Protein backbone atom coordinates (compact mmCIF):
# COMPACT_ATOMS: atom_id res chain seq x y z
CA MET A 1 -18.27 -13.25 -34.93
CA SER A 2 -20.47 -14.99 -32.37
CA LYS A 3 -17.67 -17.50 -31.66
CA LEU A 4 -15.22 -14.64 -31.04
CA ILE A 5 -17.67 -12.98 -28.64
CA ALA A 6 -18.21 -16.30 -26.84
CA PHE A 7 -14.43 -16.79 -26.60
CA PHE A 8 -13.85 -13.38 -24.99
CA THR A 9 -16.86 -13.94 -22.73
CA ARG A 10 -15.28 -17.16 -21.44
CA ILE A 11 -11.97 -15.38 -20.88
CA PHE A 12 -13.68 -12.57 -18.98
CA SER A 13 -15.65 -15.07 -16.88
CA PHE A 14 -12.47 -17.02 -16.12
CA ILE A 15 -10.50 -13.93 -15.04
CA SER A 16 -13.32 -12.38 -13.03
CA TYR A 17 -14.71 -15.53 -11.35
CA ASP A 18 -13.28 -18.98 -12.10
CA ILE A 19 -9.61 -18.19 -11.49
CA TRP A 20 -10.39 -17.04 -7.92
CA LYS A 21 -11.78 -20.47 -7.05
CA ILE A 22 -8.42 -22.09 -7.86
CA THR A 23 -5.90 -21.94 -5.01
CA GLU A 24 -2.16 -22.06 -5.60
CA ASN A 25 -1.83 -25.41 -3.84
CA GLU A 26 -3.79 -27.03 -6.67
CA LEU A 27 -1.43 -25.84 -9.43
CA SER A 28 1.93 -26.85 -10.83
CA LYS A 29 4.80 -24.36 -10.50
CA THR A 30 4.43 -23.03 -14.07
CA LYS A 31 0.67 -22.61 -13.84
CA ARG A 32 1.03 -21.09 -10.39
CA MET A 33 3.28 -18.32 -11.74
CA THR A 34 0.97 -17.68 -14.70
CA TYR A 35 -2.20 -17.60 -12.60
CA ARG A 36 -0.49 -15.41 -10.01
CA PHE A 37 0.54 -12.91 -12.70
CA ILE A 38 -3.03 -12.78 -14.09
CA LYS A 39 -4.44 -12.26 -10.60
CA ILE A 40 -1.97 -9.46 -9.76
CA VAL A 41 -2.71 -7.60 -13.01
CA SER A 42 -6.45 -8.06 -12.51
CA LEU A 43 -6.36 -6.81 -8.91
CA ALA A 44 -4.10 -3.86 -9.80
CA ILE A 45 -6.50 -2.75 -12.55
CA ARG A 46 -9.50 -3.16 -10.26
CA GLY A 47 -7.71 -1.22 -7.54
CA PHE A 48 -6.77 1.52 -10.00
CA VAL A 49 -10.45 2.06 -10.77
CA ALA A 50 -11.92 1.42 -7.29
CA ASP A 51 -9.41 3.64 -5.44
CA ASN A 52 -9.78 6.54 -7.91
CA LEU A 53 -6.04 6.78 -8.42
CA THR A 54 -6.33 9.61 -10.94
CA ILE A 55 -7.98 11.80 -8.26
CA ARG A 56 -5.44 10.74 -5.63
CA ALA A 57 -2.59 11.48 -8.06
CA SER A 58 -4.00 14.99 -8.58
CA ALA A 59 -4.12 15.55 -4.80
CA LEU A 60 -0.53 14.36 -4.41
CA SER A 61 0.59 16.60 -7.28
CA TYR A 62 -0.91 19.55 -5.43
CA SER A 63 0.96 18.55 -2.23
CA ILE A 64 4.23 18.17 -4.13
CA LEU A 65 4.00 21.73 -5.49
CA PHE A 66 3.98 23.01 -1.90
CA ALA A 67 6.67 20.61 -0.66
CA ILE A 68 9.15 20.64 -3.57
CA ILE A 69 11.21 23.65 -2.38
CA PRO A 70 11.48 22.59 1.30
CA LEU A 71 12.15 18.98 0.27
CA PHE A 72 14.97 19.96 -2.11
CA ALA A 73 16.35 22.32 0.52
CA LEU A 74 16.39 19.57 3.15
CA ILE A 75 18.07 17.05 0.83
CA ILE A 76 20.74 19.58 -0.22
CA ALA A 77 21.23 20.64 3.42
CA ILE A 78 21.86 17.01 4.39
CA GLY A 79 24.32 16.73 1.50
CA LYS A 80 26.00 19.95 2.66
CA GLY A 81 26.62 18.37 6.02
CA PHE A 82 28.56 15.59 4.25
CA GLY A 83 30.27 17.97 1.82
CA VAL A 84 28.59 16.54 -1.29
CA GLU A 85 25.96 19.23 -1.92
CA LYS A 86 27.22 19.99 -5.46
CA MET A 87 26.91 16.36 -6.50
CA ILE A 88 23.37 16.25 -5.10
CA GLU A 89 22.41 19.53 -6.80
CA ASN A 90 23.66 18.25 -10.16
CA SER A 91 21.89 14.91 -9.65
CA LEU A 92 18.59 16.65 -8.84
CA LYS A 93 18.96 18.79 -11.96
CA ASP A 94 19.62 15.67 -14.05
CA SER A 95 16.64 13.87 -12.47
CA PHE A 96 14.32 16.73 -13.40
CA ILE A 97 15.89 17.48 -16.75
CA GLY A 98 12.41 17.29 -18.27
CA GLN A 99 11.65 20.53 -16.42
CA ALA A 100 14.82 22.29 -17.60
CA ASP A 101 12.99 25.64 -17.88
CA LEU A 102 11.85 25.52 -14.25
CA ILE A 103 14.97 24.05 -12.62
CA PRO A 104 16.92 27.38 -12.42
CA THR A 105 13.89 29.04 -10.77
CA VAL A 106 13.40 26.17 -8.33
CA MET A 107 17.10 26.06 -7.43
CA GLY A 108 17.00 29.85 -6.95
CA PHE A 109 14.24 29.42 -4.40
CA VAL A 110 16.20 26.62 -2.74
CA GLU A 111 19.29 28.83 -2.46
CA GLN A 112 17.21 31.58 -0.85
CA TYR A 113 15.79 29.00 1.53
CA LEU A 114 19.25 27.78 2.48
CA LYS A 115 20.48 31.33 3.17
CA THR A 116 18.52 31.14 6.42
CA ILE A 117 20.98 28.53 7.62
CA GLN A 118 23.51 29.61 10.22
CA GLY A 119 25.83 26.99 11.53
CA GLY A 120 23.77 24.31 9.81
CA ILE A 121 20.63 25.14 11.81
CA PHE A 122 17.39 26.57 10.36
CA ILE A 123 16.23 29.53 12.42
CA GLY A 124 12.75 30.18 13.77
CA VAL A 125 9.87 30.09 11.34
CA GLY A 126 12.01 28.66 8.54
CA LEU A 127 12.57 25.47 10.51
CA VAL A 128 8.87 25.11 11.40
CA VAL A 129 7.74 25.70 7.80
CA LEU A 130 10.34 23.27 6.45
CA ILE A 131 9.39 20.44 8.81
CA TRP A 132 5.63 21.03 8.40
CA SER A 133 5.84 21.15 4.59
CA VAL A 134 7.85 17.92 4.34
CA MET A 135 5.79 16.13 7.02
CA ASN A 136 2.51 17.20 5.40
CA PHE A 137 3.64 15.84 2.02
CA PHE A 138 4.65 12.47 3.46
CA MET A 139 1.43 12.27 5.49
CA GLN A 140 -0.55 12.76 2.28
CA VAL A 141 1.46 9.96 0.66
CA GLU A 142 0.93 7.68 3.69
CA ARG A 143 -2.83 8.31 3.63
CA ALA A 144 -2.95 7.37 -0.04
CA PHE A 145 -0.88 4.22 0.57
CA ASN A 146 -2.89 3.28 3.68
CA SER A 147 -6.10 3.63 1.70
CA ILE A 148 -4.76 1.26 -0.96
CA TRP A 149 -3.64 -1.18 1.74
CA GLN A 150 -6.99 -0.75 3.57
CA VAL A 151 -5.19 0.34 6.73
CA LYS A 152 -7.41 2.44 9.02
CA LYS A 153 -4.80 3.64 11.51
CA SER A 154 -1.90 6.00 10.74
CA ARG A 155 1.41 6.08 12.58
CA SER A 156 1.86 8.09 15.75
CA PRO A 157 3.42 11.57 15.19
CA ILE A 158 6.76 10.42 16.62
CA ARG A 159 6.90 7.36 14.37
CA GLN A 160 5.87 9.50 11.38
CA PHE A 161 8.73 11.90 12.06
CA THR A 162 11.38 9.18 12.46
CA THR A 163 10.13 7.15 9.46
CA TYR A 164 9.85 10.07 7.05
CA PHE A 165 13.16 11.70 7.87
CA SER A 166 15.04 8.40 7.85
CA THR A 167 13.60 7.92 4.35
CA ILE A 168 14.82 11.39 3.33
CA LEU A 169 18.28 10.63 4.75
CA ILE A 170 18.59 7.62 2.42
CA ILE A 171 18.05 9.76 -0.71
CA PRO A 172 21.37 11.70 -0.55
CA ILE A 173 23.23 8.44 0.14
CA LEU A 174 21.72 6.84 -2.99
CA ILE A 175 22.48 9.95 -5.04
CA VAL A 176 26.12 9.96 -3.91
CA PHE A 177 26.38 6.22 -4.54
CA SER A 178 24.92 6.57 -8.04
CA GLY A 179 27.05 9.59 -8.93
CA GLY A 180 30.21 8.16 -7.41
CA LEU A 181 29.79 4.87 -9.23
CA SER A 182 29.26 6.64 -12.55
CA ILE A 183 32.35 8.81 -12.02
CA TYR A 184 34.45 5.81 -11.00
CA VAL A 185 33.43 3.84 -14.09
CA SER A 186 34.00 6.78 -16.44
CA SER A 187 37.41 7.74 -15.02
CA ALA A 188 39.34 5.04 -13.19
CA VAL A 189 37.84 1.90 -14.73
CA SER A 190 37.76 3.34 -18.25
CA GLN A 191 41.58 3.40 -18.34
CA THR A 192 41.93 -0.33 -17.69
CA TYR A 193 42.28 -3.12 -20.23
CA VAL A 194 39.25 -4.88 -18.78
CA TYR A 195 37.10 -1.86 -19.65
CA GLN A 196 38.28 -1.96 -23.25
CA VAL A 197 37.25 -5.61 -23.49
CA LEU A 198 33.98 -5.24 -21.60
CA SER A 199 33.20 -1.64 -22.58
CA PRO A 200 29.80 -2.40 -24.22
CA MET A 201 28.64 -4.26 -21.12
CA LEU A 202 30.00 -1.58 -18.75
CA ARG A 203 28.46 1.21 -20.77
CA PHE A 204 25.16 -0.61 -20.57
CA GLY A 205 25.73 -0.96 -16.81
CA VAL A 206 26.26 2.78 -16.44
CA LYS A 207 23.03 3.45 -18.34
CA PHE A 208 21.32 0.83 -16.18
CA ILE A 209 22.31 2.57 -12.90
CA PRO A 210 19.30 4.98 -12.91
CA TYR A 211 16.94 1.99 -13.23
CA PHE A 212 18.70 0.21 -10.36
CA ILE A 213 18.54 3.32 -8.14
CA ASN A 214 14.85 3.76 -8.98
CA TRP A 215 14.20 0.14 -8.02
CA ILE A 216 15.85 0.69 -4.63
CA VAL A 217 14.03 3.99 -3.96
CA PHE A 218 10.62 2.64 -4.98
CA THR A 219 11.12 -0.62 -3.06
CA ILE A 220 12.05 1.29 0.11
CA THR A 221 9.05 3.58 -0.41
CA TYR A 222 6.61 0.68 -0.73
CA MET A 223 8.05 -0.98 2.38
CA MET A 224 8.31 2.03 4.68
CA ILE A 225 5.39 4.35 3.85
CA PRO A 226 2.30 2.13 4.45
CA ASN A 227 1.51 1.61 8.13
CA THR A 228 1.51 -2.15 7.77
CA ARG A 229 4.03 -4.93 7.24
CA VAL A 230 4.94 -5.12 3.55
CA ARG A 231 7.10 -8.08 2.60
CA PHE A 232 10.34 -7.28 0.79
CA LYS A 233 9.49 -9.60 -2.11
CA ASN A 234 6.20 -7.86 -2.79
CA ALA A 235 7.71 -4.38 -2.41
CA LEU A 236 10.53 -5.38 -4.78
CA ILE A 237 8.09 -6.59 -7.47
CA ALA A 238 6.26 -3.26 -7.32
CA GLY A 239 9.56 -1.35 -7.10
CA ILE A 240 10.92 -2.93 -10.28
CA VAL A 241 7.70 -2.34 -12.23
CA ALA A 242 7.12 1.23 -11.01
CA GLY A 243 10.82 2.19 -11.06
CA SER A 244 11.25 0.98 -14.65
CA ALA A 245 8.00 2.66 -15.74
CA PHE A 246 9.09 5.93 -14.11
CA GLN A 247 12.48 5.88 -15.85
CA VAL A 248 10.92 5.04 -19.23
CA PHE A 249 8.38 7.82 -18.75
CA GLN A 250 11.22 10.25 -17.97
CA MET A 251 12.92 9.35 -21.25
CA LEU A 252 9.70 9.59 -23.26
CA TYR A 253 8.82 12.89 -21.62
CA ILE A 254 12.22 14.44 -22.35
CA ASN A 255 12.24 13.23 -25.96
CA GLY A 256 8.59 14.15 -26.42
CA GLN A 257 9.07 17.76 -25.41
CA VAL A 258 10.25 18.44 -28.94
CA TYR A 259 6.72 17.59 -30.12
CA LEU A 260 5.18 19.67 -27.35
CA SER A 261 6.85 22.87 -28.55
CA ARG A 262 3.46 24.17 -29.74
CA TYR A 263 2.64 24.83 -26.09
CA ASN A 264 5.31 27.53 -26.16
CA VAL A 265 3.36 29.26 -28.93
CA ILE A 266 0.13 29.14 -26.91
CA TYR A 267 1.41 29.72 -23.37
CA GLY A 268 4.81 31.36 -23.98
CA SER A 269 7.13 31.11 -20.96
CA PHE A 270 4.13 29.91 -18.94
CA ALA A 271 4.21 26.61 -20.89
CA ALA A 272 6.56 25.03 -18.35
CA LEU A 273 3.80 25.01 -15.71
CA PRO A 274 1.17 22.82 -17.47
CA LEU A 275 3.96 20.50 -18.58
CA LEU A 276 5.18 20.25 -14.98
CA LEU A 277 1.65 19.44 -13.80
CA LEU A 278 1.36 16.76 -16.49
CA TRP A 279 4.68 15.27 -15.42
CA LEU A 280 3.68 15.29 -11.73
CA GLN A 281 0.26 13.74 -12.46
CA ILE A 282 1.66 10.82 -14.44
CA SER A 283 4.57 10.32 -12.03
CA CYS A 284 2.17 10.12 -9.07
CA LEU A 285 -0.01 7.68 -11.02
CA ILE A 286 3.02 5.43 -11.55
CA VAL A 287 3.88 5.58 -7.83
CA LEU A 288 0.31 4.77 -6.75
CA LEU A 289 -0.04 2.00 -9.33
CA GLY A 290 3.11 0.45 -7.86
CA ALA A 291 1.45 0.57 -4.44
CA GLU A 292 -1.55 -1.26 -5.93
CA ILE A 293 0.79 -3.91 -7.36
CA SER A 294 2.57 -4.42 -4.02
CA TYR A 295 -0.81 -4.78 -2.27
CA ALA A 296 -2.16 -7.14 -4.92
CA SER A 297 0.94 -9.37 -4.95
CA GLN A 298 0.91 -9.69 -1.14
CA ASN A 299 -2.84 -10.18 -0.76
CA ILE A 300 -3.84 -12.40 -3.67
CA GLN A 301 -5.12 -15.03 -1.26
CA ASN A 302 -7.50 -12.45 0.23
CA PHE A 303 -9.52 -12.58 -2.96
CA ASP A 304 -9.82 -16.37 -3.28
CA PHE A 305 -13.50 -17.36 -3.42
CA GLU A 306 -14.33 -13.64 -3.47
CA LEU A 307 -17.79 -13.91 -5.05
CA ASP A 308 -18.69 -16.97 -2.94
CA THR A 309 -17.64 -15.08 0.18
CA LYS A 310 -19.84 -12.12 -0.76
CA ASN A 311 -22.83 -14.43 -1.38
CA ILE A 312 -22.27 -16.71 1.62
CA SER A 313 -25.41 -18.07 3.24
CA THR A 314 -26.29 -17.12 6.82
CA ARG A 315 -26.08 -20.76 7.91
CA TYR A 316 -22.57 -21.29 6.50
CA LYS A 317 -21.42 -17.91 7.80
CA ASN A 318 -22.55 -18.90 11.32
CA PHE A 319 -20.74 -22.21 10.96
CA VAL A 320 -17.43 -20.58 9.98
CA THR A 321 -17.84 -17.98 12.75
CA LEU A 322 -18.30 -20.70 15.35
CA PHE A 323 -15.35 -22.67 13.96
CA ILE A 324 -12.96 -19.68 14.08
CA THR A 325 -14.06 -18.89 17.65
CA HIS A 326 -13.53 -22.54 18.61
CA VAL A 327 -10.01 -22.54 17.14
CA ILE A 328 -9.00 -19.39 19.04
CA VAL A 329 -10.55 -20.64 22.28
CA LYS A 330 -8.77 -24.02 22.05
CA GLN A 331 -5.48 -22.23 21.33
CA PHE A 332 -5.99 -20.20 24.51
CA GLU A 333 -7.09 -23.22 26.55
CA ASN A 334 -4.01 -25.20 25.52
CA GLN A 335 -1.76 -22.21 26.40
CA LYS A 336 -0.46 -21.91 22.86
CA PRO A 337 0.54 -18.61 21.17
CA PRO A 338 -2.43 -16.60 19.84
CA LEU A 339 -3.11 -16.86 16.13
CA SER A 340 -3.37 -14.19 13.45
CA THR A 341 -6.02 -14.26 10.76
CA GLU A 342 -3.34 -15.25 8.22
CA GLN A 343 -2.35 -18.25 10.35
CA ILE A 344 -5.97 -19.34 10.78
CA ALA A 345 -6.61 -19.05 7.05
CA THR A 346 -3.43 -20.96 6.17
CA ASN A 347 -3.81 -23.71 8.78
CA TYR A 348 -7.43 -24.50 7.93
CA LYS A 349 -7.49 -23.53 4.23
CA LEU A 350 -10.09 -20.81 4.71
CA PRO A 351 -10.46 -17.70 2.51
CA ILE A 352 -8.47 -15.01 4.30
CA ARG A 353 -10.95 -12.32 3.28
CA LEU A 354 -13.78 -14.20 5.02
CA VAL A 355 -11.64 -14.85 8.10
CA ASN A 356 -10.78 -11.13 8.36
CA GLN A 357 -14.42 -10.12 8.09
CA LEU A 358 -15.66 -12.60 10.69
CA VAL A 359 -12.82 -11.96 13.16
CA ALA A 360 -13.42 -8.20 12.87
CA LYS A 361 -17.08 -8.82 13.70
CA LEU A 362 -16.17 -11.03 16.68
CA VAL A 363 -13.91 -8.28 18.01
CA GLU A 364 -16.67 -5.71 17.48
CA VAL A 365 -19.15 -7.71 19.58
CA SER A 366 -16.51 -8.35 22.30
CA ILE A 367 -16.18 -12.10 21.79
CA LEU A 368 -12.52 -11.74 20.83
CA ILE A 369 -9.86 -9.18 21.68
CA GLU A 370 -7.13 -7.96 19.35
CA VAL A 371 -3.49 -8.08 20.46
CA TYR A 372 -1.21 -5.85 18.35
CA ASN A 373 2.56 -6.37 18.23
CA GLU A 374 4.18 -3.02 17.33
CA SER A 375 7.51 -4.55 16.31
CA THR A 376 6.13 -7.23 13.95
CA LYS A 377 3.02 -5.22 13.00
CA MET A 378 1.03 -8.43 13.46
CA LYS A 379 -2.42 -8.69 15.01
CA THR A 380 -3.32 -11.83 16.92
CA TYR A 381 -6.57 -12.73 18.70
CA GLN A 382 -7.61 -14.13 22.06
CA PRO A 383 -10.97 -14.70 23.81
CA ALA A 384 -12.42 -11.56 25.41
CA ILE A 385 -14.71 -13.67 27.64
CA ASP A 386 -13.94 -16.38 30.18
CA ILE A 387 -13.89 -19.52 28.03
CA ASN A 388 -15.78 -21.38 30.79
CA GLN A 389 -18.65 -18.93 30.29
CA LEU A 390 -18.52 -18.63 26.50
CA SER A 391 -21.37 -20.82 25.28
CA VAL A 392 -22.66 -21.29 21.74
CA SER A 393 -25.89 -19.47 22.58
CA LEU A 394 -23.98 -16.53 24.11
CA LEU A 395 -21.82 -16.25 21.00
CA PHE A 396 -24.72 -16.14 18.55
CA ASN A 397 -26.82 -13.97 20.86
CA LYS A 398 -24.08 -11.32 20.94
CA MET A 399 -23.75 -11.52 17.16
CA GLU A 400 -27.52 -11.15 16.68
CA ILE A 401 -28.26 -8.28 19.10
CA HIS A 402 -25.33 -6.12 17.98
CA GLY A 403 -26.73 -3.01 16.27
CA SER A 404 -29.94 -0.98 16.43
CA GLU A 405 -33.10 -2.60 17.80
CA LEU A 406 -36.58 -1.68 19.06
CA PHE A 407 -36.72 1.55 17.05
CA LEU A 408 -40.09 0.42 15.61
CA THR A 409 -41.79 -0.46 18.91
CA ASN A 410 -44.99 1.34 19.93
CA LYS A 411 -45.61 1.98 16.25
CA ASN A 412 -47.81 -1.03 15.55
CA GLU A 413 -49.47 -3.48 17.95
CA LEU A 414 -49.17 -6.40 15.55
CA LEU A 415 -45.46 -5.67 15.12
CA ASP A 416 -44.90 -5.55 18.88
CA SER A 417 -46.72 -8.80 19.57
CA PHE A 418 -44.88 -10.54 16.74
CA TRP A 419 -41.57 -9.35 18.27
CA GLN A 420 -42.47 -10.97 21.60
CA LYS A 421 -43.45 -14.23 19.91
CA THR A 422 -40.12 -14.23 18.04
CA LEU A 423 -38.22 -13.76 21.30
CA ASP A 424 -40.14 -16.66 22.90
CA ILE A 425 -39.33 -18.97 19.98
CA LYS A 426 -35.68 -17.98 20.13
CA GLN A 427 -35.50 -18.55 23.89
CA ARG A 428 -36.95 -22.05 23.56
CA SER A 429 -34.47 -22.93 20.83
CA GLU A 430 -31.55 -21.61 22.90
CA GLU A 431 -32.41 -23.88 25.82
CA HIS A 432 -30.77 -26.77 23.96
CA THR A 433 -27.48 -24.93 23.38
CA GLU A 434 -27.07 -22.54 26.31
CA GLN A 435 -25.07 -25.11 28.28
CA ILE A 436 -22.81 -26.08 25.37
CA LEU A 437 -19.47 -24.26 25.66
CA VAL A 438 -17.54 -23.36 22.53
CA LYS A 439 -14.44 -25.09 23.89
CA ASP A 440 -16.34 -28.38 24.37
CA ILE A 441 -17.61 -28.77 20.82
């Protein structure tokens, strides 16, 4: 028993500490894939707990209840403009077949909503309510995604509007594509000799279409919703995992409703509501977990040497701070393009998490300035001070004096005198470095 406990203790220690001290450059291709998978799963689980995804999923479920009617109405209205509203209505009904008892009621509300349309234009308050409801839902989703991605700044209102509604416009196109492909396979292709030969494979392909559509929808969601640059590869990994999980959950939910019939005895016709809330809660959890996976897969390197970075000594932290400042200053002096934190970390094999922390501090104390490129969503950094004036002593003095000071003066004579002695000692030590410029090191 003690050996088994020791074995699991070693595994836990390896996953939580040792594996993060091994960079991908040190591994073979096979080990790299294995270690990467372990790290992604570990980070996703940690993110699930740290970001309180169950609470966030509950909040999103609440937002969806308010937005579901306007959102359906907008999607069907877009389909109506292309003359494919019936196909979209049927597809939405099939997608929410697990809520078969509620679908007629929801579609009834949607029809009433669409009766306010005249010439394809929503009139007055209906238009305002529709846009606000849909925008509010997507803003809630973006806040949740931004929190997972540790993004502080949301999009501007104009960019939110264009991003969200371009996303909505894609949904009817995917629905028509999925429905049209299924109809084509079941009608035209099914009459051919090739279909008779390959019918098992084609039938599997037709059943596979919902998974494929889910992968596309989830991948687009993970790329477009966060206000940061998400690489396609990382969004696709999360899209495949979350899209497949969502489709499997749909199947299990539909088949499992037979075993949930006892709710009808307890709640009667009201039973559809708690089941809908359960479905929304788990669906939102799957979506948010996919966001955690996309973040983890793209930012694995951020967590290399994580514990060492948290426990870094003051001396080594000052050394790395000075080195990063020197690199950025020399880049500026040599008239080369400014560097991002990712480029600095990659070029000099530094932990990206530590580089981000120190660069953020240097920006905060006005040693560096951030340059943001809206098109590439990349932040680069340049000196905020004349490099011919930026000395080593000035750098560390700005770092040291940033924050609250002197709030304990006039409280104790011994404390005040000791403060003056400390300043004198510091001034004498700075005399040896005040003339040394960062660029000349």
